[in-house]
Amino acid sequence: MDNSIFQVYEDEIQSLEEEITLLAEKYEDSQQETTFFSDKEILMSIKSFQREFLGESEGHESSSNLKALLESLETDLSFLMKFTGIQFTSHSKKTVEKTRNRTVRKHRLSGNCHSLSFQLEFQLLEMQNKDNVAAVVTDLSIAMEFGEDSDLSKFVSSTEEHGNLLMFFRSFSSYAQWRKHRRCTFLHFKSKYPDVVTLPEGLLGDYIILRNLKLPGFELLIVWKIHIDEEGRTLPVLDLLTKVPEQVLEQKMATIENAPTRFRSMLLLFGIETAIENLIKVVALEN
């Protein structure tokens, strides 16, 4: 047979092999894109957990034991989500590069924490040597609503720059918990003292106004900011602003001028809730 015919067959075979390889890679990426963990990965993780903590030998796990362990892991995960407030709603990953000792995967992750939503995109570089596997986060991008909170915006920018996922989740959880606590506190006092407490921006605002109907124009503004620095430290910051009619100011000049300082002292001595309630009671009794 003519050598040219053999060459045609060889070229066709090579073309088919390349097409099969390409389809296999696309299939692998599509599987990673649509699932958090494959069944094989879940099973391997469970078996590894059992060998380490239950002392069971490899390949002898019964289905009942696996089911019980899986339920235990789900319970632990549920506790962790309740404890931190962080819930993941979707996750996908795609292999960008893969060699013998190096793997790069792109992750997309979304979720919420106490009603605050977030979306993350990052690349995870895994490098393997004889002893262990090292993982490095790169190209981190965080999308979320900042509103007018410049502190949160700066914190997110710093986290993206350093690629520190652990600091983001730890600090974001604390920040979101403080926002939830502020919202619940405002709701509590609005329900308990509806004639005194006003929420101009609703429960999601960062201040409340205290009014006395017997003193038109008299207002005390309690501002409650939540400060988060670039290193992730979270701290509530409260202050008191006054709006007092001239006739009232003339009668109680010293008391009004010292009100912000005394409020800050009450915060240190009694805590946030007690300090606010004491101030509300004073306003309600003014006449």
Protein backbone atom coordinates (compact mmCIF):
# COMPACT_ATOMS: atom_id res chain seq x y z
CA MET A 1 0.00 0.00 0.00
CA ASP A 2 1.19 3.50 -0.82
CA ASN A 3 2.98 5.24 2.09
CA SER A 4 0.86 8.32 1.46
CA ILE A 5 -2.25 6.36 2.42
CA PHE A 6 -0.66 5.29 5.74
CA GLN A 7 0.25 8.89 6.39
CA VAL A 8 -3.38 9.95 5.86
CA TYR A 9 -4.54 7.33 8.37
CA GLU A 10 -1.92 8.37 10.92
CA ASP A 11 -2.87 12.02 10.55
CA GLU A 12 -6.53 11.14 11.03
CA ILE A 13 -5.78 9.06 14.13
CA GLN A 14 -3.68 11.84 15.63
CA SER A 15 -6.46 14.35 14.93
CA LEU A 16 -9.00 12.11 16.66
CA GLU A 17 -6.73 11.63 19.69
CA GLU A 18 -6.32 15.41 20.04
CA GLU A 19 -10.06 15.90 19.78
CA ILE A 20 -10.70 13.23 22.44
CA THR A 21 -8.17 14.87 24.78
CA LEU A 22 -9.79 18.27 24.27
CA LEU A 23 -13.28 16.90 24.94
CA ALA A 24 -12.05 15.13 28.08
CA GLU A 25 -10.56 18.37 29.43
CA LYS A 26 -13.79 20.26 28.67
CA TYR A 27 -15.81 17.58 30.42
CA GLU A 28 -13.60 17.75 33.50
CA ASP A 29 -13.92 21.54 33.63
CA SER A 30 -17.69 21.38 33.24
CA GLN A 31 -17.94 18.91 36.11
CA GLN A 32 -15.83 21.17 38.33
CA GLU A 33 -17.84 24.21 37.24
CA THR A 34 -21.19 22.76 38.29
CA THR A 35 -20.38 20.91 41.51
CA PHE A 36 -18.79 21.89 44.77
CA PHE A 37 -17.33 18.43 45.39
CA SER A 38 -17.71 15.29 43.32
CA ASP A 39 -19.02 12.07 44.90
CA LYS A 40 -15.51 10.66 44.75
CA GLU A 41 -14.05 13.66 46.58
CA ILE A 42 -16.70 13.46 49.30
CA LEU A 43 -16.13 9.74 49.79
CA MET A 44 -12.35 10.19 49.92
CA SER A 45 -12.71 12.97 52.52
CA ILE A 46 -14.98 10.83 54.67
CA LYS A 47 -12.64 7.85 54.48
CA SER A 48 -9.66 10.01 55.36
CA PHE A 49 -11.56 11.44 58.34
CA GLN A 50 -12.46 7.95 59.55
CA ARG A 51 -8.91 6.62 59.26
CA GLU A 52 -7.56 9.55 61.27
CA PHE A 53 -10.15 9.86 64.02
CA LEU A 54 -11.89 6.49 64.20
CA GLY A 55 -8.88 4.28 63.54
CA GLU A 56 -10.64 2.23 60.89
CA SER A 57 -8.51 0.48 58.30
CA GLU A 58 -8.66 1.57 54.67
CA GLY A 59 -11.44 0.05 52.58
CA HIS A 60 -13.53 -1.44 55.44
CA GLU A 61 -16.04 1.33 56.12
CA SER A 62 -19.60 0.08 56.18
CA SER A 63 -22.38 2.09 54.53
CA SER A 64 -24.06 2.63 57.90
CA ASN A 65 -20.85 4.07 59.35
CA LEU A 66 -20.40 6.33 56.35
CA LYS A 67 -23.97 7.57 56.66
CA ALA A 68 -23.55 8.25 60.38
CA LEU A 69 -20.28 10.07 59.80
CA LEU A 70 -21.75 12.14 57.00
CA GLU A 71 -24.63 13.15 59.26
CA SER A 72 -22.11 14.11 61.94
CA LEU A 73 -20.16 16.24 59.47
CA GLU A 74 -23.36 17.92 58.32
CA THR A 75 -24.22 18.68 61.95
CA ASP A 76 -20.78 20.21 62.50
CA LEU A 77 -21.15 22.31 59.35
CA SER A 78 -24.60 23.48 60.44
CA PHE A 79 -23.20 24.49 63.84
CA LEU A 80 -20.34 26.38 62.19
CA MET A 81 -22.74 28.31 59.95
CA LYS A 82 -24.96 29.20 62.92
CA PHE A 83 -21.94 30.21 65.00
CA THR A 84 -20.40 32.48 62.36
CA GLY A 85 -23.59 33.47 60.54
CA ILE A 86 -21.89 32.73 57.21
CA GLN A 87 -23.88 30.70 54.70
CA PHE A 88 -22.60 29.77 51.25
CA THR A 89 -25.24 29.76 48.52
CA SER A 90 -23.16 28.75 45.50
CA HIS A 91 -19.67 27.67 44.53
CA SER A 92 -17.96 26.73 41.29
CA LYS A 93 -14.40 25.99 40.28
CA LYS A 94 -12.54 25.61 37.02
CA THR A 95 -9.08 24.25 36.36
CA VAL A 96 -6.95 26.91 34.68
CA GLU A 97 -3.63 25.08 34.67
CA LYS A 98 -2.51 21.60 35.69
CA THR A 99 0.93 20.03 35.65
CA ARG A 100 2.60 17.29 37.66
CA ASN A 101 3.42 19.49 40.66
CA ARG A 102 1.30 22.56 40.07
CA THR A 103 -2.45 23.15 39.80
CA VAL A 104 -4.28 26.45 39.38
CA ARG A 105 -8.04 26.58 39.86
CA LYS A 106 -10.37 29.56 39.60
CA HIS A 107 -13.11 29.69 42.26
CA ARG A 108 -16.36 31.62 42.39
CA LEU A 109 -18.11 31.75 45.75
CA SER A 110 -21.22 33.58 46.92
CA GLY A 111 -23.10 33.70 50.20
CA ASN A 112 -24.40 35.90 52.97
CA CYS A 113 -23.81 36.67 56.61
CA HIS A 114 -26.65 38.09 58.72
CA SER A 115 -28.38 39.44 55.57
CA LEU A 116 -25.17 40.95 54.12
CA SER A 117 -24.39 39.35 50.75
CA PHE A 118 -20.94 38.82 49.25
CA GLN A 119 -19.35 37.35 46.13
CA LEU A 120 -15.76 36.17 45.86
CA GLU A 121 -13.57 35.28 42.92
CA PHE A 122 -10.02 34.04 43.35
CA GLN A 123 -7.41 31.67 41.99
CA LEU A 124 -5.95 28.94 44.17
CA LEU A 125 -2.42 27.87 43.31
CA GLU A 126 -1.56 24.43 44.70
CA MET A 127 2.09 23.31 44.61
CA GLN A 128 3.03 19.80 45.68
CA ASN A 129 6.38 18.48 46.80
CA LYS A 130 7.46 15.28 48.49
CA ASP A 131 6.30 16.29 51.96
CA ASN A 132 3.21 18.46 51.59
CA VAL A 133 0.98 20.64 49.44
CA ALA A 134 1.23 24.44 49.63
CA ALA A 135 -1.74 26.58 48.58
CA VAL A 136 -1.65 30.28 47.73
CA VAL A 137 -4.63 32.57 47.03
CA THR A 138 -4.15 35.02 44.16
CA ASP A 139 -6.29 37.45 42.14
CA LEU A 140 -8.83 37.84 44.96
CA SER A 141 -11.86 39.97 44.09
CA ILE A 142 -14.68 40.75 46.55
CA ALA A 143 -18.02 42.21 45.52
CA MET A 144 -20.51 43.50 48.11
CA GLU A 145 -22.62 46.53 49.00
CA PHE A 146 -20.62 49.17 50.86
CA GLY A 147 -23.18 51.96 50.98
CA GLU A 148 -21.48 54.95 52.58
CA ASP A 149 -19.23 52.81 54.78
CA SER A 150 -15.73 53.89 53.75
CA ASP A 151 -14.15 51.74 56.50
CA LEU A 152 -15.62 48.56 55.02
CA SER A 153 -14.51 49.58 51.54
CA LYS A 154 -10.92 50.11 52.74
CA PHE A 155 -10.94 46.78 54.58
CA VAL A 156 -12.10 44.92 51.46
CA SER A 157 -9.44 46.63 49.33
CA SER A 158 -6.74 45.66 51.83
CA THR A 159 -8.00 42.06 51.93
CA GLU A 160 -7.98 41.83 48.13
CA GLU A 161 -4.43 43.17 48.04
CA HIS A 162 -3.12 40.61 50.53
CA GLY A 163 -5.33 37.70 49.40
CA ASN A 164 -6.24 36.91 53.01
CA LEU A 165 -9.47 34.89 52.87
CA LEU A 166 -9.29 33.84 56.53
CA MET A 167 -9.13 37.44 57.74
CA PHE A 168 -12.02 38.38 55.44
CA PHE A 169 -14.39 35.72 56.77
CA ARG A 170 -13.41 36.25 60.42
CA SER A 171 -13.73 40.05 60.31
CA PHE A 172 -16.74 40.12 58.00
CA SER A 173 -18.56 37.77 60.37
CA SER A 174 -17.83 40.09 63.32
CA TYR A 175 -18.86 43.18 61.33
CA ALA A 176 -22.13 41.56 60.21
CA GLN A 177 -22.92 40.42 63.76
CA TRP A 178 -22.50 43.97 65.06
CA ARG A 179 -24.83 45.26 62.32
CA LYS A 180 -27.41 42.65 63.31
CA HIS A 181 -27.04 43.58 66.99
CA ARG A 182 -27.54 47.28 66.16
CA ARG A 183 -30.63 46.47 64.09
CA CYS A 184 -32.14 44.34 66.88
CA THR A 185 -31.37 47.02 69.49
CA PHE A 186 -33.02 49.76 67.44
CA LEU A 187 -36.08 47.55 66.87
CA HIS A 188 -36.32 46.76 70.59
CA PHE A 189 -36.32 50.42 71.68
CA LYS A 190 -38.65 51.51 68.87
CA SER A 191 -41.16 48.85 69.97
CA LYS A 192 -40.77 49.68 73.66
CA TYR A 193 -40.78 53.50 73.36
CA PRO A 194 -42.66 54.26 70.10
CA ASP A 195 -43.49 57.84 71.11
CA VAL A 196 -39.87 58.71 71.92
CA VAL A 197 -37.76 56.74 69.42
CA THR A 198 -37.75 57.57 65.70
CA LEU A 199 -35.86 55.70 62.95
CA PRO A 200 -35.50 58.13 60.00
CA GLU A 201 -33.55 55.58 57.91
CA GLY A 202 -35.33 52.50 59.22
CA LEU A 203 -33.68 49.55 60.94
CA LEU A 204 -30.76 49.54 58.50
CA GLY A 205 -29.76 53.10 59.40
CA ASP A 206 -26.93 53.94 61.79
CA TYR A 207 -28.74 56.40 64.05
CA ILE A 208 -31.95 56.97 66.01
CA ILE A 209 -33.62 60.19 67.15
CA LEU A 210 -35.14 60.69 70.60
CA ARG A 211 -37.95 63.23 70.89
CA ASN A 212 -40.21 64.55 73.60
CA LEU A 213 -43.62 65.63 72.28
CA LYS A 214 -43.94 68.16 75.12
CA LEU A 215 -40.75 69.90 73.93
CA PRO A 216 -41.16 70.75 70.23
CA GLY A 217 -37.81 70.94 68.44
CA PHE A 218 -35.96 69.05 71.18
CA GLU A 219 -34.01 66.11 69.71
CA LEU A 220 -31.17 63.84 70.76
CA LEU A 221 -29.42 61.95 67.98
CA ILE A 222 -27.68 58.67 68.90
CA VAL A 223 -25.19 57.73 66.19
CA TRP A 224 -23.96 54.13 66.11
CA LYS A 225 -21.16 53.46 63.65
CA ILE A 226 -19.34 50.16 63.22
CA HIS A 227 -15.65 50.74 62.61
CA ILE A 228 -13.52 48.12 60.86
CA ASP A 229 -9.88 48.87 60.13
CA GLU A 230 -7.69 47.50 57.34
CA GLU A 231 -6.45 44.72 59.61
CA GLY A 232 -9.99 43.51 60.29
CA ARG A 233 -10.45 44.77 63.85
CA THR A 234 -14.13 45.61 64.43
CA LEU A 235 -15.38 48.11 67.00
CA PRO A 236 -18.75 49.81 67.67
CA VAL A 237 -18.48 53.60 67.97
CA LEU A 238 -21.40 55.53 69.51
CA ASP A 239 -21.88 59.23 70.05
CA LEU A 240 -24.62 61.68 71.02
CA LEU A 241 -25.59 64.82 69.14
CA THR A 242 -28.08 67.38 70.43
CA LYS A 243 -30.67 69.65 68.85
CA VAL A 244 -32.25 71.88 71.46
CA PRO A 245 -34.54 74.96 71.14
CA GLU A 246 -33.04 78.19 72.46
CA GLN A 247 -35.49 78.52 75.34
CA VAL A 248 -34.65 75.05 76.61
CA LEU A 249 -30.93 75.61 76.05
CA GLU A 250 -31.02 78.78 78.16
CA GLN A 251 -32.66 76.94 81.05
CA LYS A 252 -30.42 73.85 80.99
CA MET A 253 -27.24 75.00 79.29
CA ALA A 254 -24.84 72.98 81.46
CA THR A 255 -26.90 69.79 81.30
CA ILE A 256 -27.22 69.88 77.51
CA GLU A 257 -23.57 70.73 76.91
CA ASN A 258 -22.41 67.84 79.09
CA ALA A 259 -24.88 65.31 77.65
CA PRO A 260 -22.51 63.77 75.04
CA THR A 261 -19.72 63.33 77.61
CA ARG A 262 -22.08 61.76 80.15
CA PHE A 263 -23.49 59.44 77.48
CA ARG A 264 -19.99 58.19 76.62
CA SER A 265 -19.35 57.61 80.33
CA MET A 266 -22.56 55.57 80.62
CA LEU A 267 -21.45 53.48 77.66
CA LEU A 268 -18.25 52.56 79.48
CA LEU A 269 -19.99 51.89 82.79
CA PHE A 270 -23.22 50.13 81.74
CA GLY A 271 -22.85 49.04 78.13
CA ILE A 272 -24.72 50.05 75.00
CA GLU A 273 -28.27 48.89 75.75
CA THR A 274 -28.44 50.25 79.29
CA ALA A 275 -26.87 53.57 78.33
CA ILE A 276 -29.39 54.09 75.51
CA GLU A 277 -32.36 53.10 77.66
CA ASN A 278 -31.32 55.44 80.47
CA LEU A 279 -31.10 58.29 77.97
CA ILE A 280 -34.53 57.42 76.52
CA LYS A 281 -36.07 57.50 80.01
CA VAL A 282 -34.55 60.91 80.71
CA VAL A 283 -35.94 62.31 77.45
CA ALA A 284 -39.38 60.82 78.12
CA LEU A 285 -39.54 62.49 81.55
CA GLU A 286 -38.43 65.95 80.36
CA ASN A 287 -41.16 68.61 80.41
